[in-house]
């Protein structure tokens, strides 16, 4: 049984995915593209955003993705810039959510008199409600950082490929677009390497980014509690 198959983790997944995809839709709407709004994606209802394979990956691996938000570039004034901003909105929302959960976790840590703060531990002082609250915050931190990091991988169709695009020199854009057209197959190949051949390229990228943020949180937590 996967260690991720528990109600608190699943609730945290639904929150993180909903915020991520809503952020894409909201950014697109603010930049002039109403496509996602009309498709019912500018909502925090998780049912509008769940992707079957992405949800499976979250439950059994610990990272995954939601259903892509539709974007019509014809509505955008500056396609390169605005597409990057729309793509950035998702990972950025997860980064913000992780820090909000961390702030709540700090408050909970103080309320139970925790002197040693651990992001991976469980400290609810025996109170079931407090235990669930602490675990939910911890899961929100983990999942939001995992979702952020995974989507920052610069391979299509992940957000990182569109975020990187405006920084590609014009003379290399055709080559970059050709590579990105093969992005889904490249991503599948990396997943096969990851899980079939134990070549941890994806997980190493994800956990490197996560570890950097968790280290900052750990330093702040240890100094405040």
N, C-alpha and C. Protein backbone atom coordinates (compact mmCIF):
# COMPACT_ATOMS: atom_id res chain seq x y z
N UNK A 1 0.85 -1.20 0.00
CA UNK A 1 0.00 0.00 0.00
C UNK A 1 0.88 1.25 0.00
N UNK A 2 0.58 2.16 -0.90
CA UNK A 2 1.37 3.38 -1.00
C UNK A 2 1.22 4.21 0.27
N UNK A 3 2.35 4.81 0.70
CA UNK A 3 2.30 5.67 1.88
C UNK A 3 1.53 6.96 1.60
N UNK A 4 1.22 7.22 0.32
CA UNK A 4 0.49 8.44 -0.03
C UNK A 4 -1.03 8.22 -0.01
N UNK A 5 -1.46 6.98 0.19
CA UNK A 5 -2.89 6.69 0.17
C UNK A 5 -3.48 6.90 1.55
N UNK A 6 -3.65 8.16 1.93
CA UNK A 6 -4.33 8.47 3.19
C UNK A 6 -5.16 9.72 2.99
N UNK A 7 -6.24 9.88 3.75
CA UNK A 7 -7.19 10.98 3.50
C UNK A 7 -6.56 12.36 3.56
N UNK A 8 -5.66 12.60 4.52
CA UNK A 8 -5.06 13.93 4.66
C UNK A 8 -4.23 14.26 3.43
N UNK A 9 -3.45 13.29 2.94
CA UNK A 9 -2.63 13.50 1.75
C UNK A 9 -3.51 13.76 0.54
N UNK A 10 -4.60 13.02 0.40
CA UNK A 10 -5.50 13.19 -0.74
C UNK A 10 -6.15 14.57 -0.73
N UNK A 11 -6.59 15.03 0.46
CA UNK A 11 -7.17 16.37 0.57
C UNK A 11 -6.14 17.42 0.16
N UNK A 12 -4.90 17.23 0.59
CA UNK A 12 -3.85 18.19 0.24
C UNK A 12 -3.59 18.19 -1.27
N UNK A 13 -3.64 17.02 -1.89
CA UNK A 13 -3.49 16.94 -3.35
C UNK A 13 -4.57 17.75 -4.05
N UNK A 14 -5.81 17.55 -3.62
CA UNK A 14 -6.93 18.25 -4.26
C UNK A 14 -6.80 19.76 -4.12
N UNK A 15 -6.35 20.22 -2.96
CA UNK A 15 -6.16 21.65 -2.75
C UNK A 15 -5.04 22.18 -3.65
N UNK A 16 -3.91 21.49 -3.65
CA UNK A 16 -2.76 21.96 -4.43
C UNK A 16 -3.05 21.98 -5.92
N UNK A 17 -3.67 20.91 -6.44
CA UNK A 17 -4.00 20.85 -7.86
C UNK A 17 -5.00 21.94 -8.25
N UNK A 18 -6.01 22.13 -7.40
CA UNK A 18 -7.04 23.12 -7.71
C UNK A 18 -6.46 24.52 -7.76
N UNK A 19 -5.62 24.85 -6.79
CA UNK A 19 -5.00 26.18 -6.77
C UNK A 19 -4.08 26.36 -7.99
N UNK A 20 -3.30 25.33 -8.30
CA UNK A 20 -2.38 25.39 -9.45
C UNK A 20 -3.11 25.68 -10.75
N UNK A 21 -4.15 24.90 -11.03
CA UNK A 21 -4.86 25.05 -12.30
C UNK A 21 -5.71 26.32 -12.31
N UNK A 22 -6.30 26.67 -11.17
CA UNK A 22 -7.03 27.93 -11.09
C UNK A 22 -6.10 29.11 -11.40
N UNK A 23 -4.88 29.05 -10.88
CA UNK A 23 -3.93 30.14 -11.11
C UNK A 23 -3.63 30.29 -12.60
N UNK A 24 -3.46 29.17 -13.31
CA UNK A 24 -3.27 29.25 -14.77
C UNK A 24 -4.46 29.94 -15.43
N UNK A 25 -5.66 29.49 -15.07
CA UNK A 25 -6.88 30.02 -15.69
C UNK A 25 -7.06 31.50 -15.37
N UNK A 26 -6.80 31.87 -14.12
CA UNK A 26 -6.97 33.26 -13.71
C UNK A 26 -5.96 34.16 -14.42
N UNK A 27 -4.70 33.70 -14.50
CA UNK A 27 -3.68 34.49 -15.19
C UNK A 27 -4.04 34.68 -16.66
N UNK A 28 -4.52 33.61 -17.30
CA UNK A 28 -4.93 33.72 -18.70
C UNK A 28 -6.06 34.73 -18.86
N UNK A 29 -7.02 34.67 -17.95
CA UNK A 29 -8.17 35.59 -18.01
C UNK A 29 -7.71 37.04 -17.84
N UNK A 30 -6.82 37.28 -16.89
CA UNK A 30 -6.33 38.64 -16.66
C UNK A 30 -5.50 39.15 -17.83
N UNK A 31 -4.92 38.23 -18.60
CA UNK A 31 -4.12 38.63 -19.77
C UNK A 31 -4.94 38.65 -21.05
N UNK A 32 -6.26 38.49 -20.91
CA UNK A 32 -7.16 38.68 -22.05
C UNK A 32 -7.75 37.42 -22.66
N UNK A 33 -7.39 36.25 -22.15
CA UNK A 33 -7.89 35.00 -22.72
C UNK A 33 -8.98 34.39 -21.83
N UNK A 34 -10.24 34.43 -22.25
CA UNK A 34 -11.33 33.89 -21.44
C UNK A 34 -11.60 32.40 -21.67
N UNK A 35 -10.78 31.73 -22.47
CA UNK A 35 -11.03 30.35 -22.86
C UNK A 35 -11.21 29.44 -21.65
N UNK A 36 -10.29 29.52 -20.70
CA UNK A 36 -10.35 28.64 -19.52
C UNK A 36 -11.58 28.96 -18.67
N UNK A 37 -11.92 30.24 -18.58
CA UNK A 37 -13.10 30.62 -17.80
C UNK A 37 -14.35 30.02 -18.41
N UNK A 38 -14.51 30.13 -19.73
CA UNK A 38 -15.68 29.59 -20.39
C UNK A 38 -15.70 28.06 -20.35
N UNK A 39 -14.52 27.45 -20.20
CA UNK A 39 -14.44 25.99 -20.10
C UNK A 39 -14.68 25.50 -18.68
N UNK A 40 -14.96 26.43 -17.75
CA UNK A 40 -15.23 26.05 -16.37
C UNK A 40 -13.99 25.73 -15.57
N UNK A 41 -12.84 26.25 -16.00
CA UNK A 41 -11.60 25.92 -15.31
C UNK A 41 -11.15 27.02 -14.33
N UNK A 42 -11.79 28.18 -14.35
CA UNK A 42 -11.41 29.22 -13.41
C UNK A 42 -12.21 29.02 -12.12
N UNK A 43 -11.92 27.90 -11.47
CA UNK A 43 -12.62 27.48 -10.27
C UNK A 43 -11.68 26.72 -9.38
N UNK A 44 -12.00 26.67 -8.09
CA UNK A 44 -11.23 25.87 -7.14
C UNK A 44 -11.86 24.50 -6.91
N UNK A 45 -12.86 24.18 -7.70
CA UNK A 45 -13.48 22.85 -7.62
C UNK A 45 -12.51 21.81 -8.19
N UNK A 46 -12.01 20.89 -7.37
CA UNK A 46 -11.00 19.93 -7.87
C UNK A 46 -11.51 19.03 -8.98
N UNK A 47 -12.83 18.81 -9.07
CA UNK A 47 -13.38 17.94 -10.11
C UNK A 47 -13.11 18.50 -11.51
N UNK A 48 -12.94 19.80 -11.60
CA UNK A 48 -12.68 20.43 -12.91
C UNK A 48 -11.23 20.28 -13.35
N UNK A 49 -10.36 19.85 -12.44
CA UNK A 49 -8.93 19.89 -12.73
C UNK A 49 -8.22 18.54 -12.67
N UNK A 50 -8.90 17.48 -12.24
CA UNK A 50 -8.22 16.21 -12.01
C UNK A 50 -7.88 15.53 -13.34
N UNK A 51 -6.64 15.13 -13.48
CA UNK A 51 -6.17 14.31 -14.59
C UNK A 51 -5.91 12.91 -14.03
N UNK A 52 -6.46 11.89 -14.68
CA UNK A 52 -6.41 10.53 -14.13
C UNK A 52 -4.98 10.06 -13.90
N UNK A 53 -4.12 10.20 -14.92
CA UNK A 53 -2.75 9.73 -14.79
C UNK A 53 -1.97 10.57 -13.78
N UNK A 54 -2.18 11.89 -13.82
CA UNK A 54 -1.49 12.76 -12.88
C UNK A 54 -1.88 12.46 -11.44
N UNK A 55 -3.18 12.17 -11.21
CA UNK A 55 -3.64 11.82 -9.87
C UNK A 55 -3.03 10.49 -9.42
N UNK A 56 -2.95 9.53 -10.36
CA UNK A 56 -2.35 8.23 -10.05
C UNK A 56 -0.89 8.40 -9.63
N UNK A 57 -0.17 9.26 -10.36
CA UNK A 57 1.23 9.51 -10.03
C UNK A 57 1.37 10.11 -8.63
N UNK A 58 0.48 11.03 -8.30
CA UNK A 58 0.53 11.63 -6.97
C UNK A 58 0.31 10.59 -5.88
N UNK A 59 -0.69 9.72 -6.08
CA UNK A 59 -1.06 8.76 -5.05
C UNK A 59 0.00 7.68 -4.85
N UNK A 60 0.71 7.33 -5.91
CA UNK A 60 1.64 6.21 -5.79
C UNK A 60 3.11 6.60 -5.89
N UNK A 61 3.38 7.83 -6.31
CA UNK A 61 4.77 8.27 -6.45
C UNK A 61 5.06 9.48 -5.57
N UNK A 62 4.07 10.38 -5.44
CA UNK A 62 4.26 11.56 -4.61
C UNK A 62 4.35 12.85 -5.39
N UNK A 63 4.37 12.77 -6.73
CA UNK A 63 4.29 13.97 -7.56
C UNK A 63 3.47 13.65 -8.80
N UNK A 64 2.83 14.67 -9.35
CA UNK A 64 1.97 14.44 -10.52
C UNK A 64 1.54 15.76 -11.12
N UNK A 65 0.36 15.79 -11.74
CA UNK A 65 -0.08 16.99 -12.45
C UNK A 65 -1.60 16.97 -12.57
N UNK A 66 -2.16 18.12 -12.94
CA UNK A 66 -3.58 18.24 -13.18
C UNK A 66 -3.88 18.33 -14.67
N UNK A 67 -5.15 18.42 -15.00
CA UNK A 67 -5.57 18.54 -16.39
C UNK A 67 -5.12 19.90 -16.94
N UNK A 68 -4.46 19.92 -18.10
CA UNK A 68 -3.97 21.20 -18.65
C UNK A 68 -5.10 22.20 -18.86
N UNK A 69 -4.80 23.46 -18.55
CA UNK A 69 -5.77 24.55 -18.76
C UNK A 69 -5.68 25.02 -20.21
N UNK A 70 -6.81 25.12 -20.91
CA UNK A 70 -6.76 25.57 -22.31
C UNK A 70 -6.42 27.05 -22.43
N UNK A 71 -5.52 27.36 -23.35
CA UNK A 71 -5.13 28.74 -23.61
C UNK A 71 -5.18 28.97 -25.11
N UNK A 72 -5.82 30.07 -25.51
CA UNK A 72 -5.89 30.43 -26.92
C UNK A 72 -4.97 31.64 -27.14
N UNK A 73 -3.83 31.45 -27.77
CA UNK A 73 -2.84 32.53 -27.93
C UNK A 73 -3.35 33.70 -28.76
N UNK A 74 -4.44 33.50 -29.50
CA UNK A 74 -4.98 34.60 -30.32
C UNK A 74 -5.48 35.75 -29.45
N UNK A 75 -5.79 35.48 -28.19
CA UNK A 75 -6.26 36.52 -27.28
C UNK A 75 -5.12 37.29 -26.62
N UNK A 76 -3.91 36.80 -26.72
CA UNK A 76 -2.79 37.38 -25.98
C UNK A 76 -2.11 38.48 -26.79
N UNK A 77 -1.79 39.57 -26.13
CA UNK A 77 -1.14 40.69 -26.80
C UNK A 77 0.31 40.37 -27.15
N UNK A 78 1.00 39.73 -26.24
CA UNK A 78 2.39 39.34 -26.45
C UNK A 78 2.47 37.84 -26.14
N UNK A 79 2.43 37.03 -27.18
CA UNK A 79 2.26 35.59 -26.99
C UNK A 79 3.41 34.99 -26.18
N UNK A 80 4.65 35.33 -26.52
CA UNK A 80 5.80 34.76 -25.82
C UNK A 80 5.78 35.12 -24.34
N UNK A 81 5.61 36.40 -24.06
CA UNK A 81 5.63 36.85 -22.66
C UNK A 81 4.42 36.34 -21.89
N UNK A 82 3.23 36.52 -22.48
CA UNK A 82 2.01 36.17 -21.76
C UNK A 82 1.88 34.66 -21.55
N UNK A 83 2.31 33.88 -22.51
CA UNK A 83 2.28 32.42 -22.34
C UNK A 83 3.18 32.00 -21.18
N UNK A 84 4.34 32.67 -21.09
CA UNK A 84 5.26 32.36 -19.99
C UNK A 84 4.65 32.76 -18.64
N UNK A 85 3.99 33.91 -18.60
CA UNK A 85 3.37 34.35 -17.36
C UNK A 85 2.23 33.42 -16.93
N UNK A 86 1.44 32.98 -17.90
CA UNK A 86 0.36 32.04 -17.59
C UNK A 86 0.93 30.73 -17.05
N UNK A 87 2.00 30.27 -17.67
CA UNK A 87 2.63 29.03 -17.21
C UNK A 87 3.26 29.20 -15.84
N UNK A 88 3.87 30.35 -15.59
CA UNK A 88 4.52 30.61 -14.31
C UNK A 88 3.51 30.69 -13.17
N UNK A 89 2.28 31.11 -13.48
CA UNK A 89 1.27 31.30 -12.43
C UNK A 89 1.01 30.03 -11.64
N UNK A 90 1.04 28.87 -12.30
CA UNK A 90 0.77 27.62 -11.60
C UNK A 90 1.83 27.28 -10.57
N UNK A 91 3.10 27.12 -10.97
CA UNK A 91 4.15 26.84 -9.98
C UNK A 91 4.27 27.93 -8.92
N UNK A 92 4.08 29.19 -9.31
CA UNK A 92 4.17 30.28 -8.34
C UNK A 92 3.08 30.15 -7.28
N UNK A 93 1.87 29.76 -7.70
CA UNK A 93 0.79 29.59 -6.73
C UNK A 93 1.11 28.47 -5.74
N UNK A 94 1.76 27.41 -6.21
CA UNK A 94 2.15 26.33 -5.31
C UNK A 94 3.23 26.77 -4.34
N UNK A 95 4.16 27.59 -4.81
CA UNK A 95 5.20 28.14 -3.94
C UNK A 95 4.58 28.97 -2.83
N UNK A 96 3.62 29.81 -3.19
CA UNK A 96 2.94 30.65 -2.20
C UNK A 96 2.14 29.80 -1.23
N UNK A 97 1.43 28.80 -1.74
CA UNK A 97 0.64 27.92 -0.89
C UNK A 97 1.52 27.17 0.11
N UNK A 98 2.69 26.74 -0.33
CA UNK A 98 3.60 26.03 0.57
C UNK A 98 4.03 26.93 1.72
N UNK A 99 4.30 28.18 1.42
CA UNK A 99 4.73 29.10 2.48
C UNK A 99 3.57 29.48 3.40
N UNK A 100 2.36 29.55 2.86
CA UNK A 100 1.19 29.79 3.71
C UNK A 100 1.01 28.62 4.68
N UNK A 101 1.11 27.40 4.16
CA UNK A 101 1.00 26.22 5.01
C UNK A 101 2.11 26.21 6.07
N UNK A 102 3.30 26.62 5.67
CA UNK A 102 4.42 26.68 6.61
C UNK A 102 4.14 27.70 7.72
N UNK A 103 3.57 28.86 7.36
CA UNK A 103 3.26 29.88 8.36
C UNK A 103 2.23 29.34 9.35
N UNK A 104 1.21 28.64 8.85
CA UNK A 104 0.22 28.04 9.74
C UNK A 104 0.87 26.99 10.63
N UNK A 105 1.79 26.23 10.06
CA UNK A 105 2.50 25.20 10.82
C UNK A 105 3.33 25.82 11.95
N UNK A 106 3.91 26.97 11.68
CA UNK A 106 4.65 27.67 12.73
C UNK A 106 3.73 28.07 13.87
N UNK A 107 2.56 28.58 13.53
CA UNK A 107 1.59 28.96 14.55
C UNK A 107 1.16 27.75 15.37
N UNK A 108 0.89 26.64 14.69
CA UNK A 108 0.51 25.42 15.38
C UNK A 108 1.64 24.90 16.25
N UNK A 109 2.88 25.02 15.75
CA UNK A 109 4.03 24.59 16.53
C UNK A 109 4.15 25.37 17.82
N UNK A 110 3.92 26.67 17.75
CA UNK A 110 3.96 27.49 18.96
C UNK A 110 2.84 27.12 19.91
N UNK A 111 1.67 26.80 19.36
CA UNK A 111 0.51 26.53 20.21
C UNK A 111 0.65 25.24 21.00
N UNK A 112 1.47 24.31 20.50
CA UNK A 112 1.67 23.06 21.24
C UNK A 112 3.01 23.07 21.97
N UNK A 113 3.68 24.21 21.96
CA UNK A 113 4.91 24.33 22.71
C UNK A 113 6.07 23.55 22.13
N UNK A 114 6.12 23.44 20.82
CA UNK A 114 7.18 22.68 20.18
C UNK A 114 8.49 23.46 20.26
N UNK A 115 9.52 22.82 20.77
CA UNK A 115 10.82 23.47 20.84
C UNK A 115 11.74 23.03 19.70
N UNK A 116 11.48 21.87 19.14
CA UNK A 116 12.26 21.37 18.01
C UNK A 116 11.31 21.18 16.85
N UNK A 117 11.50 21.98 15.81
CA UNK A 117 10.55 21.99 14.69
C UNK A 117 11.02 21.06 13.59
N UNK A 118 10.11 20.18 13.14
CA UNK A 118 10.45 19.26 12.06
C UNK A 118 9.35 19.27 11.03
N UNK A 119 9.70 19.58 9.77
CA UNK A 119 8.71 19.57 8.71
C UNK A 119 8.19 18.17 8.42
N UNK A 120 8.99 17.17 8.69
CA UNK A 120 8.61 15.80 8.37
C UNK A 120 8.03 15.06 9.57
N UNK A 121 8.10 15.66 10.75
CA UNK A 121 7.59 15.00 11.94
C UNK A 121 6.11 15.24 12.12
N UNK A 122 5.58 14.69 13.16
CA UNK A 122 4.17 14.86 13.49
C UNK A 122 4.06 15.29 14.94
N UNK A 123 3.58 16.50 15.18
CA UNK A 123 3.51 17.02 16.55
C UNK A 123 2.15 17.66 16.77
N UNK A 124 1.25 16.95 17.43
CA UNK A 124 -0.06 17.49 17.72
C UNK A 124 -0.38 17.48 19.18
N UNK A 125 0.61 17.13 20.02
CA UNK A 125 0.47 17.13 21.47
C UNK A 125 -0.68 16.24 21.92
N UNK A 126 -0.96 15.17 21.16
CA UNK A 126 -1.99 14.22 21.56
C UNK A 126 -3.41 14.64 21.20
N UNK A 127 -3.59 15.86 20.73
CA UNK A 127 -4.91 16.35 20.35
C UNK A 127 -5.21 15.91 18.92
N UNK A 128 -6.25 15.07 18.69
CA UNK A 128 -6.50 14.56 17.33
C UNK A 128 -6.70 15.66 16.29
N UNK A 129 -7.41 16.72 16.67
CA UNK A 129 -7.65 17.81 15.73
C UNK A 129 -6.33 18.51 15.39
N UNK A 130 -5.50 18.72 16.40
CA UNK A 130 -4.21 19.37 16.18
C UNK A 130 -3.31 18.49 15.31
N UNK A 131 -3.35 17.18 15.55
CA UNK A 131 -2.53 16.26 14.77
C UNK A 131 -2.92 16.33 13.30
N UNK A 132 -4.23 16.30 13.01
CA UNK A 132 -4.69 16.36 11.63
C UNK A 132 -4.30 17.69 11.00
N UNK A 133 -4.44 18.79 11.75
CA UNK A 133 -4.10 20.11 11.23
C UNK A 133 -2.62 20.19 10.88
N UNK A 134 -1.77 19.68 11.78
CA UNK A 134 -0.33 19.70 11.53
C UNK A 134 0.02 18.84 10.32
N UNK A 135 -0.58 17.64 10.25
CA UNK A 135 -0.29 16.76 9.12
C UNK A 135 -0.78 17.34 7.80
N UNK A 136 -1.92 18.03 7.82
CA UNK A 136 -2.43 18.65 6.60
C UNK A 136 -1.46 19.73 6.12
N UNK A 137 -0.97 20.55 7.04
CA UNK A 137 -0.01 21.58 6.66
C UNK A 137 1.27 20.97 6.12
N UNK A 138 1.75 19.92 6.76
CA UNK A 138 2.97 19.26 6.29
C UNK A 138 2.77 18.68 4.89
N UNK A 139 1.61 18.06 4.67
CA UNK A 139 1.32 17.51 3.35
C UNK A 139 1.17 18.60 2.30
N UNK A 140 0.56 19.72 2.69
CA UNK A 140 0.41 20.84 1.75
C UNK A 140 1.78 21.39 1.35
N UNK A 141 2.70 21.44 2.29
CA UNK A 141 4.05 21.89 1.96
C UNK A 141 4.70 20.93 0.98
N UNK A 142 4.66 19.66 1.29
CA UNK A 142 5.31 18.64 0.45
C UNK A 142 4.70 18.62 -0.95
N UNK A 143 3.38 18.57 -1.03
CA UNK A 143 2.72 18.42 -2.34
C UNK A 143 2.87 19.67 -3.18
N UNK A 144 2.70 20.84 -2.58
CA UNK A 144 2.84 22.07 -3.35
C UNK A 144 4.25 22.23 -3.89
N UNK A 145 5.25 21.89 -3.08
CA UNK A 145 6.63 21.99 -3.55
C UNK A 145 6.93 20.94 -4.62
N UNK A 146 6.35 19.74 -4.47
CA UNK A 146 6.55 18.70 -5.48
C UNK A 146 5.89 19.09 -6.79
N UNK A 147 4.66 19.62 -6.72
CA UNK A 147 3.95 20.04 -7.93
C UNK A 147 4.66 21.20 -8.60
N UNK A 148 5.12 22.15 -7.80
CA UNK A 148 5.89 23.27 -8.35
C UNK A 148 7.14 22.79 -9.06
N UNK A 149 7.91 21.93 -8.39
CA UNK A 149 9.19 21.48 -8.93
C UNK A 149 9.01 20.64 -10.19
N UNK A 150 8.04 19.73 -10.17
CA UNK A 150 7.80 18.89 -11.34
C UNK A 150 7.42 19.73 -12.55
N UNK A 151 6.56 20.71 -12.33
CA UNK A 151 6.10 21.53 -13.45
C UNK A 151 7.15 22.50 -13.95
N UNK A 152 8.20 22.73 -13.17
CA UNK A 152 9.28 23.60 -13.62
C UNK A 152 10.30 22.87 -14.49
N UNK A 153 10.15 21.56 -14.64
CA UNK A 153 11.03 20.84 -15.56
C UNK A 153 10.81 21.39 -16.97
N UNK A 154 11.86 21.83 -17.66
CA UNK A 154 11.69 22.50 -18.96
C UNK A 154 11.48 21.54 -20.12
N UNK A 155 10.46 20.71 -20.00
CA UNK A 155 10.10 19.77 -21.06
C UNK A 155 8.60 19.90 -21.31
N UNK A 156 8.20 20.07 -22.56
CA UNK A 156 6.78 20.14 -22.89
C UNK A 156 6.12 18.80 -22.56
N UNK A 157 4.87 18.82 -22.07
CA UNK A 157 3.98 19.98 -21.94
C UNK A 157 4.03 20.66 -20.57
N UNK A 158 5.08 20.43 -19.80
CA UNK A 158 5.17 21.02 -18.47
C UNK A 158 5.41 22.52 -18.56
N UNK A 159 5.05 23.22 -17.47
CA UNK A 159 5.12 24.68 -17.46
C UNK A 159 6.52 25.22 -17.73
N UNK A 160 7.52 24.50 -17.27
CA UNK A 160 8.89 24.99 -17.41
C UNK A 160 9.29 25.25 -18.85
N UNK A 161 8.74 24.47 -19.79
CA UNK A 161 9.10 24.66 -21.20
C UNK A 161 8.59 25.99 -21.72
N UNK A 162 7.42 26.42 -21.27
CA UNK A 162 6.87 27.71 -21.72
C UNK A 162 7.49 28.87 -20.97
N UNK A 163 7.85 28.65 -19.71
CA UNK A 163 8.52 29.69 -18.94
C UNK A 163 9.88 30.01 -19.54
N UNK A 164 10.57 28.99 -20.01
CA UNK A 164 11.90 29.15 -20.59
C UNK A 164 11.86 29.78 -21.97
N UNK A 165 10.77 29.58 -22.71
CA UNK A 165 10.69 29.96 -24.12
C UNK A 165 11.07 31.42 -24.42
N UNK A 166 10.58 32.41 -23.66
CA UNK A 166 10.93 33.80 -23.99
C UNK A 166 12.42 34.11 -23.88
N UNK A 167 13.17 33.27 -23.17
CA UNK A 167 14.59 33.52 -22.97
C UNK A 167 15.46 32.83 -24.03
N UNK A 168 14.81 32.07 -24.92
CA UNK A 168 15.56 31.41 -26.00
C UNK A 168 15.86 32.44 -27.09
N UNK A 169 17.12 32.61 -27.48
CA UNK A 169 17.44 33.57 -28.56
C UNK A 169 16.65 33.23 -29.83
N UNK A 170 16.31 34.26 -30.59
CA UNK A 170 15.48 34.07 -31.77
C UNK A 170 16.07 33.05 -32.75
N UNK A 171 17.39 33.04 -32.88
CA UNK A 171 18.00 32.14 -33.86
C UNK A 171 17.88 30.66 -33.46
N UNK A 172 17.56 30.41 -32.17
CA UNK A 172 17.44 29.04 -31.71
C UNK A 172 15.99 28.61 -31.47
N UNK A 173 15.05 29.50 -31.73
CA UNK A 173 13.66 29.20 -31.39
C UNK A 173 13.08 28.06 -32.21
N UNK A 174 13.41 28.00 -33.49
CA UNK A 174 12.89 26.89 -34.31
C UNK A 174 13.39 25.55 -33.78
N UNK A 175 14.67 25.50 -33.44
CA UNK A 175 15.23 24.26 -32.89
C UNK A 175 14.57 23.92 -31.56
N UNK A 176 14.34 24.95 -30.73
CA UNK A 176 13.71 24.72 -29.44
C UNK A 176 12.28 24.20 -29.61
N UNK A 177 11.55 24.79 -30.56
CA UNK A 177 10.18 24.34 -30.81
C UNK A 177 10.16 22.90 -31.32
N UNK A 178 11.14 22.53 -32.14
CA UNK A 178 11.22 21.15 -32.62
C UNK A 178 11.46 20.17 -31.48
N UNK A 179 12.33 20.59 -30.56
CA UNK A 179 12.59 19.74 -29.39
C UNK A 179 11.35 19.63 -28.52
N UNK A 180 10.67 20.76 -28.31
CA UNK A 180 9.49 20.76 -27.46
C UNK A 180 8.34 19.96 -28.08
N UNK A 181 8.31 19.89 -29.41
CA UNK A 181 7.28 19.08 -30.07
C UNK A 181 7.43 17.60 -29.71
N UNK A 182 8.66 17.22 -29.37
CA UNK A 182 8.92 15.85 -28.95
C UNK A 182 8.92 15.73 -27.43
N UNK A 183 8.50 16.81 -26.76
CA UNK A 183 8.52 16.84 -25.31
C UNK A 183 7.77 15.72 -24.61
N UNK A 184 6.52 15.43 -25.01
CA UNK A 184 5.80 14.34 -24.34
C UNK A 184 6.52 13.00 -24.41
N UNK A 185 7.10 12.68 -25.57
CA UNK A 185 7.82 11.43 -25.69
C UNK A 185 9.09 11.45 -24.84
N UNK A 186 9.74 12.62 -24.79
CA UNK A 186 10.93 12.75 -23.95
C UNK A 186 10.57 12.59 -22.48
N UNK A 187 9.44 13.16 -22.07
CA UNK A 187 9.00 13.04 -20.68
C UNK A 187 8.69 11.59 -20.34
N UNK A 188 8.02 10.90 -21.25
CA UNK A 188 7.72 9.48 -21.03
C UNK A 188 9.02 8.68 -20.90
N UNK A 189 9.99 8.99 -21.75
CA UNK A 189 11.28 8.30 -21.69
C UNK A 189 11.96 8.51 -20.34
N UNK A 190 11.89 9.74 -19.83
CA UNK A 190 12.48 10.03 -18.53
C UNK A 190 11.76 9.28 -17.41
N UNK A 191 10.43 9.17 -17.52
CA UNK A 191 9.67 8.43 -16.53
C UNK A 191 10.01 6.94 -16.56
N UNK A 192 10.22 6.42 -17.77
CA UNK A 192 10.63 5.02 -17.90
C UNK A 192 12.00 4.81 -17.27
N UNK A 193 12.93 5.73 -17.55
CA UNK A 193 14.25 5.65 -16.94
C UNK A 193 14.15 5.70 -15.42
N UNK A 194 13.24 6.54 -14.95
CA UNK A 194 13.08 6.74 -13.50
C UNK A 194 12.60 5.48 -12.80
N UNK A 195 11.54 4.88 -13.35
CA UNK A 195 10.86 3.81 -12.62
C UNK A 195 11.23 2.40 -13.09
N UNK A 196 11.65 2.27 -14.33
CA UNK A 196 11.99 0.94 -14.83
C UNK A 196 13.49 0.66 -14.70
N UNK A 197 14.30 1.70 -14.90
CA UNK A 197 15.75 1.49 -14.90
C UNK A 197 16.44 2.17 -13.72
N UNK A 198 15.65 2.79 -12.86
CA UNK A 198 16.19 3.41 -11.64
C UNK A 198 17.26 4.47 -11.95
N UNK A 199 16.96 5.30 -12.95
CA UNK A 199 17.81 6.45 -13.26
C UNK A 199 17.06 7.70 -12.81
N UNK A 200 17.37 8.23 -11.64
CA UNK A 200 16.51 9.24 -10.99
C UNK A 200 16.72 10.67 -11.48
N UNK A 201 16.57 10.91 -12.77
CA UNK A 201 16.78 12.26 -13.29
C UNK A 201 15.66 13.20 -12.85
N UNK A 202 14.40 12.75 -13.00
CA UNK A 202 13.26 13.59 -12.63
C UNK A 202 13.23 13.82 -11.13
N UNK A 203 13.32 12.75 -10.36
CA UNK A 203 13.23 12.89 -8.91
C UNK A 203 14.39 13.71 -8.35
N UNK A 204 15.56 13.61 -8.97
CA UNK A 204 16.71 14.41 -8.51
C UNK A 204 16.45 15.89 -8.73
N UNK A 205 15.88 16.24 -9.89
CA UNK A 205 15.53 17.64 -10.16
C UNK A 205 14.50 18.13 -9.15
N UNK A 206 13.46 17.33 -8.93
CA UNK A 206 12.38 17.72 -8.02
C UNK A 206 12.90 17.89 -6.60
N UNK A 207 13.62 16.91 -6.11
CA UNK A 207 14.05 16.95 -4.72
C UNK A 207 15.16 17.98 -4.48
N UNK A 208 15.89 18.35 -5.52
CA UNK A 208 16.87 19.42 -5.37
C UNK A 208 16.17 20.74 -5.09
N UNK A 209 15.13 21.04 -5.88
CA UNK A 209 14.37 22.27 -5.65
C UNK A 209 13.63 22.23 -4.32
N UNK A 210 13.01 21.09 -4.03
CA UNK A 210 12.28 20.96 -2.77
C UNK A 210 13.20 21.12 -1.58
N UNK A 211 14.35 20.51 -1.65
CA UNK A 211 15.29 20.55 -0.52
C UNK A 211 15.75 21.96 -0.23
N UNK A 212 15.94 22.77 -1.30
CA UNK A 212 16.37 24.15 -1.11
C UNK A 212 15.32 24.95 -0.34
N UNK A 213 14.05 24.78 -0.72
CA UNK A 213 12.98 25.50 -0.04
C UNK A 213 12.79 24.96 1.38
N UNK A 214 12.82 23.64 1.54
CA UNK A 214 12.66 23.05 2.87
C UNK A 214 13.79 23.46 3.80
N UNK A 215 14.99 23.62 3.26
CA UNK A 215 16.11 24.07 4.08
C UNK A 215 15.86 25.47 4.62
N UNK A 216 15.33 26.35 3.76
CA UNK A 216 15.00 27.71 4.20
C UNK A 216 13.92 27.67 5.27
N UNK A 217 12.90 26.83 5.05
CA UNK A 217 11.83 26.70 6.04
C UNK A 217 12.38 26.16 7.37
N UNK A 218 13.27 25.20 7.27
CA UNK A 218 13.84 24.62 8.47
C UNK A 218 14.62 25.65 9.29
N UNK A 219 15.40 26.48 8.60
CA UNK A 219 16.17 27.50 9.31
C UNK A 219 15.24 28.51 10.00
N UNK A 220 14.18 28.91 9.27
CA UNK A 220 13.24 29.86 9.85
C UNK A 220 12.52 29.21 11.03
N UNK A 221 12.07 27.97 10.85
CA UNK A 221 11.36 27.28 11.92
C UNK A 221 12.20 27.10 13.16
N UNK A 222 13.45 26.70 12.99
CA UNK A 222 14.33 26.47 14.13
C UNK A 222 14.66 27.76 14.86
N UNK A 223 14.65 28.89 14.15
CA UNK A 223 14.95 30.16 14.78
C UNK A 223 13.76 30.76 15.51
N UNK A 224 12.55 30.34 15.12
CA UNK A 224 11.35 30.93 15.70
C UNK A 224 10.70 30.08 16.78
N UNK A 225 10.97 28.77 16.77
CA UNK A 225 10.30 27.88 17.73
C UNK A 225 11.26 27.43 18.82
